[in-house]
Each structure stands twice: as C-alpha cells, then as structure tokens.
C-alpha cells in the first residue's frame, strides 16, 4: 500500500474535531468514525439488528431508526453495557472504514488517509494504522470545554470524562501529540508540523516500495 494510513484520536472535549478539519484543509482524506457508526446502524442494517437484539426494542424510535438518546442514557450509566455496544459495533465500523480506505487509495495512492475515532485505542483499531496522532489538553480545559459544548454540569461532564480511557494513558500510544490547551493558532501550527512529517514519511514508504 502506498497511501499512508493515519489514526486520529483523543478523549471527549479535547478538540479532536478541529484537528481533523485542519488536516482536511491541508489535503488529507479524513474519515469520520462517528459517520461510520451512524451508517452501520441505519434502518435494515445488520448492525442495527444486533443492537436491538442486545438492548431490546426500547432503543428504537417509532420510525424504526435508532434512538441514540435512549441508547446513550443506557450505556453512559453502565460500563458493561458500553463495552457490549462497542463489541457489537466495532467490527462493522472497522469493516466500513477499511472499505473506504481501499476506495481512497484507488483514487489517490500518494495521499494521506486519516481515520478520526474517539475509541481507536480502546478497540485496538489503532494497530491497523501506519501512525497515530493523539490530541490532548489540560484536564481543566477539557472539563470546561465539555460543559460549554454539551451544556453539562461539572458533575455530568466529569462523569463522561471518567467513562473514557484517561488522557495520560492514550498519550502513551501516540506517534504524534497535538496539545490544544492554548487555542486555535497553536493547534493549527502544530497540526501543520505533523502534516509535513506525515508527507515525508509517506514519500519514504513509496520510495522503499518502489525499490523492492
């Protein structure tokens, strides 16, 4: 494979979406795992059938679509249910992403594909990528952003943060770290540096594959 495959991850409220947008502006092909997660539970899909089988008809709306709010309230309060949902959906999501990556590679073999996914490390999905970018910020910045973004109390925001793998643990897996604590301009600058490095690595890989 000539196309460089990059994972992009980070905990809730750290600014990962902004980094993804900057990478897209720079020319990367960005695949959003949230979009893939929605597609694999579309009405009539095997993914939706598996979710209903595990959690019951109560997670469906009247029109047969997934009631995300209802499902979210079930899994946020119960780690075992959260793990069950992830174990059901991740194989479908990864299969769809792999299909999207193959399509992108056919179109732009010398490009960079970035898969943006919050649970990439937890699911083990990060191992499929050439490089991993972890976005992070100071804990107090994360808490404040999450409270503002989702209109949550401090306690509600803390609960959502605590439900995920700690930022410090995620950082251990990174090839590149992007700290968003200081705001947009520094993030844009750092993301640009990472992008240049990825372009360089992609070129090295292509040269190696051509010389074999």
C-alpha atoms as a PDB file:
ATOM      1  CA  UNK A   1       0.000   0.000   0.000  1.00  0.00           C
ATOM      2  CA  UNK A   2       1.341   3.403  -0.953  1.00  0.00           C
ATOM      3  CA  UNK A   3      -1.261   5.544   0.788  1.00  0.00           C
ATOM      4  CA  UNK A   4      -0.287   6.461   4.341  1.00  0.00           C
ATOM      5  CA  UNK A   5      -2.970   5.410   6.836  1.00  0.00           C
ATOM      6  CA  UNK A   6      -3.117   7.557   9.983  1.00  0.00           C
ATOM      7  CA  UNK A   7      -5.264   7.217  13.105  1.00  0.00           C
ATOM      8  CA  UNK A   8      -6.502  10.354  14.877  1.00  0.00           C
ATOM      9  CA  UNK A   9      -7.863  10.022  18.406  1.00  0.00           C
ATOM     10  CA  UNK A  10      -8.325  11.819  21.686  1.00  0.00           C
ATOM     11  CA  UNK A  11     -10.698  11.955  24.616  1.00  0.00           C
ATOM     12  CA  UNK A  12     -14.043  13.774  24.677  1.00  0.00           C
ATOM     13  CA  UNK A  13     -13.822  17.567  24.583  1.00  0.00           C
ATOM     14  CA  UNK A  14     -10.121  17.881  23.703  1.00  0.00           C
ATOM     15  CA  UNK A  15     -10.539  19.481  20.259  1.00  0.00           C
ATOM     16  CA  UNK A  16     -10.002  16.453  18.036  1.00  0.00           C
ATOM     17  CA  UNK A  17     -12.625  17.633  15.513  1.00  0.00           C
ATOM     18  CA  UNK A  18     -10.746  20.900  14.965  1.00  0.00           C
ATOM     19  CA  UNK A  19      -7.513  18.987  14.280  1.00  0.00           C
ATOM     20  CA  UNK A  20      -9.415  16.778  11.809  1.00  0.00           C
ATOM     21  CA  UNK A  21     -10.702  19.875   9.989  1.00  0.00           C
ATOM     22  CA  UNK A  22      -7.185  21.356   9.735  1.00  0.00           C
ATOM     23  CA  UNK A  23      -5.811  18.065   8.376  1.00  0.00           C
ATOM     24  CA  UNK A  24      -8.625  18.033   5.783  1.00  0.00           C
ATOM     25  CA  UNK A  25      -7.792  21.638   4.809  1.00  0.00           C
ATOM     26  CA  UNK A  26      -4.154  20.599   4.343  1.00  0.00           C
ATOM     27  CA  UNK A  27      -5.217  17.882   1.905  1.00  0.00           C
ATOM     28  CA  UNK A  28      -5.707  14.734   3.978  1.00  0.00           C
ATOM     29  CA  UNK A  29      -8.670  12.439   3.304  1.00  0.00           C
ATOM     30  CA  UNK A  30     -10.471  12.365   6.663  1.00  0.00           C
ATOM     31  CA  UNK A  31     -12.853   9.520   7.538  1.00  0.00           C
ATOM     32  CA  UNK A  32     -15.126  10.290  10.490  1.00  0.00           C
ATOM     33  CA  UNK A  33     -15.793   7.219  12.652  1.00  0.00           C
ATOM     34  CA  UNK A  34     -18.948   8.860  14.027  1.00  0.00           C
ATOM     35  CA  UNK A  35     -20.337   8.972  10.495  1.00  0.00           C
ATOM     36  CA  UNK A  36     -19.389   5.318  10.004  1.00  0.00           C
ATOM     37  CA  UNK A  37     -21.053   4.467  13.324  1.00  0.00           C
ATOM     38  CA  UNK A  38     -24.283   6.069  12.077  1.00  0.00           C
ATOM     39  CA  UNK A  39     -24.132   4.213   8.764  1.00  0.00           C
ATOM     40  CA  UNK A  40     -23.694   0.763  10.339  1.00  0.00           C
ATOM     41  CA  UNK A  41     -26.909   1.181  12.375  1.00  0.00           C
ATOM     42  CA  UNK A  42     -29.033   2.523   9.506  1.00  0.00           C
ATOM     43  CA  UNK A  43     -32.555   1.024   9.294  1.00  0.00           C
ATOM     44  CA  UNK A  44     -32.434  -2.505   7.902  1.00  0.00           C
ATOM     45  CA  UNK A  45     -28.709  -2.952   8.658  1.00  0.00           C
ATOM     46  CA  UNK A  46     -27.179  -5.975  10.351  1.00  0.00           C
ATOM     47  CA  UNK A  47     -25.619  -3.591  12.888  1.00  0.00           C
ATOM     48  CA  UNK A  48     -28.994  -2.221  13.974  1.00  0.00           C
ATOM     49  CA  UNK A  49     -30.451  -5.732  14.250  1.00  0.00           C
ATOM     50  CA  UNK A  50     -27.559  -6.755  16.503  1.00  0.00           C
ATOM     51  CA  UNK A  51     -28.038  -3.682  18.741  1.00  0.00           C
ATOM     52  CA  UNK A  52     -31.784  -4.332  19.092  1.00  0.00           C
ATOM     53  CA  UNK A  53     -31.123  -7.979  19.887  1.00  0.00           C
ATOM     54  CA  UNK A  54     -28.741  -6.953  22.685  1.00  0.00           C
ATOM     55  CA  UNK A  55     -30.620  -3.956  24.135  1.00  0.00           C
ATOM     56  CA  UNK A  56     -34.268  -4.543  23.188  1.00  0.00           C
ATOM     57  CA  UNK A  57     -36.883  -2.741  21.095  1.00  0.00           C
ATOM     58  CA  UNK A  58     -36.765   0.196  23.535  1.00  0.00           C
ATOM     59  CA  UNK A  59     -33.715   1.611  21.729  1.00  0.00           C
ATOM     60  CA  UNK A  60     -35.763   2.138  18.550  1.00  0.00           C
ATOM     61  CA  UNK A  61     -37.829   5.186  17.673  1.00  0.00           C
ATOM     62  CA  UNK A  62     -41.331   4.775  16.209  1.00  0.00           C
ATOM     63  CA  UNK A  63     -39.977   5.092  12.663  1.00  0.00           C
ATOM     64  CA  UNK A  64     -37.557   2.187  13.220  1.00  0.00           C
ATOM     65  CA  UNK A  65     -34.404   4.313  13.491  1.00  0.00           C
ATOM     66  CA  UNK A  66     -32.040   4.051  16.433  1.00  0.00           C
ATOM     67  CA  UNK A  67     -32.951   6.231  19.418  1.00  0.00           C
ATOM     68  CA  UNK A  68     -29.448   7.494  20.185  1.00  0.00           C
ATOM     69  CA  UNK A  69     -30.504   9.429  23.250  1.00  0.00           C
ATOM     70  CA  UNK A  70     -32.149   6.384  24.810  1.00  0.00           C
ATOM     71  CA  UNK A  71     -29.190   4.141  23.985  1.00  0.00           C
ATOM     72  CA  UNK A  72     -26.768   6.792  25.259  1.00  0.00           C
ATOM     73  CA  UNK A  73     -28.533   7.005  28.621  1.00  0.00           C
ATOM     74  CA  UNK A  74     -28.309   3.212  28.945  1.00  0.00           C
ATOM     75  CA  UNK A  75     -24.605   2.904  28.205  1.00  0.00           C
ATOM     76  CA  UNK A  76     -23.258   6.016  29.971  1.00  0.00           C
ATOM     77  CA  UNK A  77     -24.551   4.676  33.273  1.00  0.00           C
ATOM     78  CA  UNK A  78     -23.263   1.114  32.810  1.00  0.00           C
ATOM     79  CA  UNK A  79     -19.723   0.216  31.754  1.00  0.00           C
ATOM     80  CA  UNK A  80     -20.607  -3.408  30.885  1.00  0.00           C
ATOM     81  CA  UNK A  81     -23.373  -2.212  28.517  1.00  0.00           C
ATOM     82  CA  UNK A  82     -20.975   0.297  26.975  1.00  0.00           C
ATOM     83  CA  UNK A  83     -18.444  -2.463  26.361  1.00  0.00           C
ATOM     84  CA  UNK A  84     -21.159  -4.698  24.905  1.00  0.00           C
ATOM     85  CA  UNK A  85     -22.255  -1.996  22.448  1.00  0.00           C
ATOM     86  CA  UNK A  86     -18.666  -1.357  21.395  1.00  0.00           C
ATOM     87  CA  UNK A  87     -18.026  -5.085  20.880  1.00  0.00           C
ATOM     88  CA  UNK A  88     -21.124  -5.263  18.632  1.00  0.00           C
ATOM     89  CA  UNK A  89     -20.456  -2.169  16.517  1.00  0.00           C
ATOM     90  CA  UNK A  90     -16.664  -2.012  16.186  1.00  0.00           C
ATOM     91  CA  UNK A  91     -16.352  -4.924  13.693  1.00  0.00           C
ATOM     92  CA  UNK A  92     -18.972  -3.276  11.434  1.00  0.00           C
ATOM     93  CA  UNK A  93     -17.331   0.158  11.757  1.00  0.00           C
ATOM     94  CA  UNK A  94     -13.825  -1.180  11.049  1.00  0.00           C
ATOM     95  CA  UNK A  95     -15.062  -3.135   8.004  1.00  0.00           C
ATOM     96  CA  UNK A  96     -16.709   0.018   6.598  1.00  0.00           C
ATOM     97  CA  UNK A  97     -13.593   2.112   7.275  1.00  0.00           C
ATOM     98  CA  UNK A  98     -11.385  -0.449   5.550  1.00  0.00           C
ATOM     99  CA  UNK A  99     -13.663  -0.349   2.517  1.00  0.00           C
ATOM    100  CA  UNK A 100     -13.472   3.480   2.485  1.00  0.00           C
ATOM    101  CA  UNK A 101      -9.668   3.330   2.780  1.00  0.00           C
ATOM    102  CA  UNK A 102      -9.425   0.982  -0.223  1.00  0.00           C
ATOM    103  CA  UNK A 103     -11.602   3.340  -2.280  1.00  0.00           C
ATOM    104  CA  UNK A 104      -9.478   6.358  -1.300  1.00  0.00           C
ATOM    105  CA  UNK A 105      -6.255   4.538  -2.115  1.00  0.00           C
ATOM    106  CA  UNK A 106      -7.538   3.705  -5.580  1.00  0.00           C
ATOM    107  CA  UNK A 107      -8.305   7.409  -6.154  1.00  0.00           C
ATOM    108  CA  UNK A 108      -5.197   8.927  -4.548  1.00  0.00           C
ATOM    109  CA  UNK A 109      -2.462   6.340  -3.884  1.00  0.00           C
ATOM    110  CA  UNK A 110       0.035   9.014  -2.823  1.00  0.00           C
ATOM    111  CA  UNK A 111      -2.341  10.722  -0.398  1.00  0.00           C
ATOM    112  CA  UNK A 112      -2.800  10.542   3.364  1.00  0.00           C
ATOM    113  CA  UNK A 113      -5.934   8.967   4.819  1.00  0.00           C
ATOM    114  CA  UNK A 114      -6.850   9.919   8.382  1.00  0.00           C
ATOM    115  CA  UNK A 115      -9.426   7.961  10.380  1.00  0.00           C
ATOM    116  CA  UNK A 116     -10.855  10.123  13.173  1.00  0.00           C
ATOM    117  CA  UNK A 117     -12.171   7.911  16.010  1.00  0.00           C
ATOM    118  CA  UNK A 118     -12.556   8.502  19.750  1.00  0.00           C
ATOM    119  CA  UNK A 119     -12.277   4.826  20.794  1.00  0.00           C
ATOM    120  CA  UNK A 120      -9.499   3.763  18.450  1.00  0.00           C
ATOM    121  CA  UNK A 121      -7.095   2.755  21.222  1.00  0.00           C
ATOM    122  CA  UNK A 122      -9.727   1.044  23.384  1.00  0.00           C
ATOM    123  CA  UNK A 123     -10.955  -1.065  20.455  1.00  0.00           C
ATOM    124  CA  UNK A 124      -7.431  -1.971  19.309  1.00  0.00           C
ATOM    125  CA  UNK A 125      -8.262  -0.432  15.904  1.00  0.00           C
ATOM    126  CA  UNK A 126      -5.211   1.855  16.067  1.00  0.00           C
ATOM    127  CA  UNK A 127      -2.945  -1.113  15.253  1.00  0.00           C
ATOM    128  CA  UNK A 128      -4.164  -1.003  11.628  1.00  0.00           C
ATOM    129  CA  UNK A 129      -2.519   2.371  11.006  1.00  0.00           C
ATOM    130  CA  UNK A 130       0.970   3.455   9.994  1.00  0.00           C
ATOM    131  CA  UNK A 131       0.950   6.340  12.501  1.00  0.00           C
ATOM    132  CA  UNK A 132      -1.230   7.505  15.390  1.00  0.00           C
ATOM    133  CA  UNK A 133      -1.969  11.128  16.348  1.00  0.00           C
ATOM    134  CA  UNK A 134      -3.323  11.706  19.860  1.00  0.00           C
ATOM    135  CA  UNK A 135      -4.983  15.051  20.602  1.00  0.00           C
ATOM    136  CA  UNK A 136      -4.969  16.151  24.240  1.00  0.00           C
ATOM    137  CA  UNK A 137      -5.303  19.184  26.501  1.00  0.00           C
ATOM    138  CA  UNK A 138      -5.058  20.092  30.176  1.00  0.00           C
ATOM    139  CA  UNK A 139      -7.790  18.406  32.277  1.00  0.00           C
ATOM    140  CA  UNK A 140      -9.332  21.690  33.424  1.00  0.00           C
ATOM    141  CA  UNK A 141      -9.556  22.888  29.796  1.00  0.00           C
ATOM    142  CA  UNK A 142     -11.216  19.614  28.780  1.00  0.00           C
ATOM    143  CA  UNK A 143     -13.778  19.872  31.589  1.00  0.00           C
ATOM    144  CA  UNK A 144     -14.657  23.481  30.768  1.00  0.00           C
ATOM    145  CA  UNK A 145     -14.984  22.798  27.025  1.00  0.00           C
ATOM    146  CA  UNK A 146     -17.245  19.805  27.591  1.00  0.00           C
ATOM    147  CA  UNK A 147     -19.502  21.717  29.995  1.00  0.00           C
ATOM    148  CA  UNK A 148     -19.835  24.554  27.476  1.00  0.00           C
ATOM    149  CA  UNK A 149     -20.234  22.393  24.379  1.00  0.00           C
ATOM    150  CA  UNK A 150     -22.870  19.995  25.730  1.00  0.00           C
ATOM    151  CA  UNK A 151     -24.440  22.312  28.323  1.00  0.00           C
ATOM    152  CA  UNK A 152     -23.482  19.961  31.179  1.00  0.00           C
ATOM    153  CA  UNK A 153     -22.963  20.464  34.887  1.00  0.00           C
ATOM    154  CA  UNK A 154     -19.443  19.938  36.220  1.00  0.00           C
ATOM    155  CA  UNK A 155     -20.509  16.586  37.671  1.00  0.00           C
ATOM    156  CA  UNK A 156     -22.112  15.408  34.395  1.00  0.00           C
ATOM    157  CA  UNK A 157     -19.037  16.422  32.402  1.00  0.00           C
ATOM    158  CA  UNK A 158     -16.731  14.723  34.894  1.00  0.00           C
ATOM    159  CA  UNK A 159     -18.782  11.512  34.624  1.00  0.00           C
ATOM    160  CA  UNK A 160     -18.422  11.465  30.829  1.00  0.00           C
ATOM    161  CA  UNK A 161     -14.676  12.090  31.033  1.00  0.00           C
ATOM    162  CA  UNK A 162     -14.226   9.371  33.666  1.00  0.00           C
ATOM    163  CA  UNK A 163     -16.103   6.892  31.457  1.00  0.00           C
ATOM    164  CA  UNK A 164     -13.240   7.026  28.935  1.00  0.00           C
ATOM    165  CA  UNK A 165      -9.617   5.940  28.985  1.00  0.00           C
ATOM    166  CA  UNK A 166      -7.575   8.664  30.760  1.00  0.00           C
ATOM    167  CA  UNK A 167      -5.759  11.144  28.514  1.00  0.00           C
ATOM    168  CA  UNK A 168      -2.393  10.193  30.028  1.00  0.00           C
ATOM    169  CA  UNK A 169      -2.923   6.558  29.010  1.00  0.00           C
ATOM    170  CA  UNK A 170      -3.855   7.499  25.435  1.00  0.00           C
ATOM    171  CA  UNK A 171      -0.780   9.665  25.070  1.00  0.00           C
ATOM    172  CA  UNK A 172       1.453   6.618  25.635  1.00  0.00           C
ATOM    173  CA  UNK A 173       0.308   5.172  22.277  1.00  0.00           C
ATOM    174  CA  UNK A 174       0.984   8.293  20.193  1.00  0.00           C
ATOM    175  CA  UNK A 175       3.463   8.741  17.380  1.00  0.00           C
ATOM    176  CA  UNK A 176       2.480  12.437  17.390  1.00  0.00           C
ATOM    177  CA  UNK A 177       0.905  14.537  20.130  1.00  0.00           C
ATOM    178  CA  UNK A 178      -1.144  17.681  19.500  1.00  0.00           C
ATOM    179  CA  UNK A 179      -1.869  19.787  22.589  1.00  0.00           C
ATOM    180  CA  UNK A 180      -4.921  22.020  22.146  1.00  0.00           C
ATOM    181  CA  UNK A 181      -4.750  23.744  25.562  1.00  0.00           C
ATOM    182  CA  UNK A 182      -3.544  27.089  24.189  1.00  0.00           C
ATOM    183  CA  UNK A 183      -6.148  27.623  21.477  1.00  0.00           C
ATOM    184  CA  UNK A 184      -6.624  27.531  17.720  1.00  0.00           C
ATOM    185  CA  UNK A 185      -3.477  29.175  16.364  1.00  0.00           C
ATOM    186  CA  UNK A 186      -1.006  26.965  18.215  1.00  0.00           C
ATOM    187  CA  UNK A 187      -3.068  23.894  17.245  1.00  0.00           C
ATOM    188  CA  UNK A 188      -3.060  24.913  13.583  1.00  0.00           C
ATOM    189  CA  UNK A 189       0.713  25.403  13.680  1.00  0.00           C
ATOM    190  CA  UNK A 190       1.389  22.066  15.393  1.00  0.00           C
ATOM    191  CA  UNK A 191      -1.008  20.217  13.067  1.00  0.00           C
ATOM    192  CA  UNK A 192       0.854  21.706  10.103  1.00  0.00           C
ATOM    193  CA  UNK A 193       4.146  20.365  11.508  1.00  0.00           C
ATOM    194  CA  UNK A 194       2.656  16.885  11.919  1.00  0.00           C
ATOM    195  CA  UNK A 195       1.243  17.008   8.381  1.00  0.00           C
ATOM    196  CA  UNK A 196       4.679  17.858   6.918  1.00  0.00           C
ATOM    197  CA  UNK A 197       6.186  14.937   8.813  1.00  0.00           C
ATOM    198  CA  UNK A 198       3.469  12.576   7.534  1.00  0.00           C
ATOM    199  CA  UNK A 199       4.102  13.715   3.946  1.00  0.00           C
ATOM    200  CA  UNK A 200       7.805  12.989   4.439  1.00  0.00           C
ATOM    201  CA  UNK A 201       7.111   9.506   5.835  1.00  0.00           C
ATOM    202  CA  UNK A 202       4.679   8.744   3.011  1.00  0.00           C
ATOM    203  CA  UNK A 203       7.340   9.640   0.455  1.00  0.00           C
ATOM    204  CA  UNK A 204       9.919   7.424   2.197  1.00  0.00           C
ATOM    205  CA  UNK A 205       7.472   4.491   2.194  1.00  0.00           C
ATOM    206  CA  UNK A 206       6.743   4.933  -1.513  1.00  0.00           C
ATOM    207  CA  UNK A 207      10.450   5.080  -2.321  1.00  0.00           C
ATOM    208  CA  UNK A 208      11.051   1.891  -0.364  1.00  0.00           C
ATOM    209  CA  UNK A 209       8.173   0.050  -2.042  1.00  0.00           C
ATOM    210  CA  UNK A 210       9.408   1.117  -5.492  1.00  0.00           C
ATOM    211  CA  UNK A 211      12.947  -0.102  -4.791  1.00  0.00           C
ATOM    212  CA  UNK A 212      11.822  -3.579  -3.689  1.00  0.00           C
END
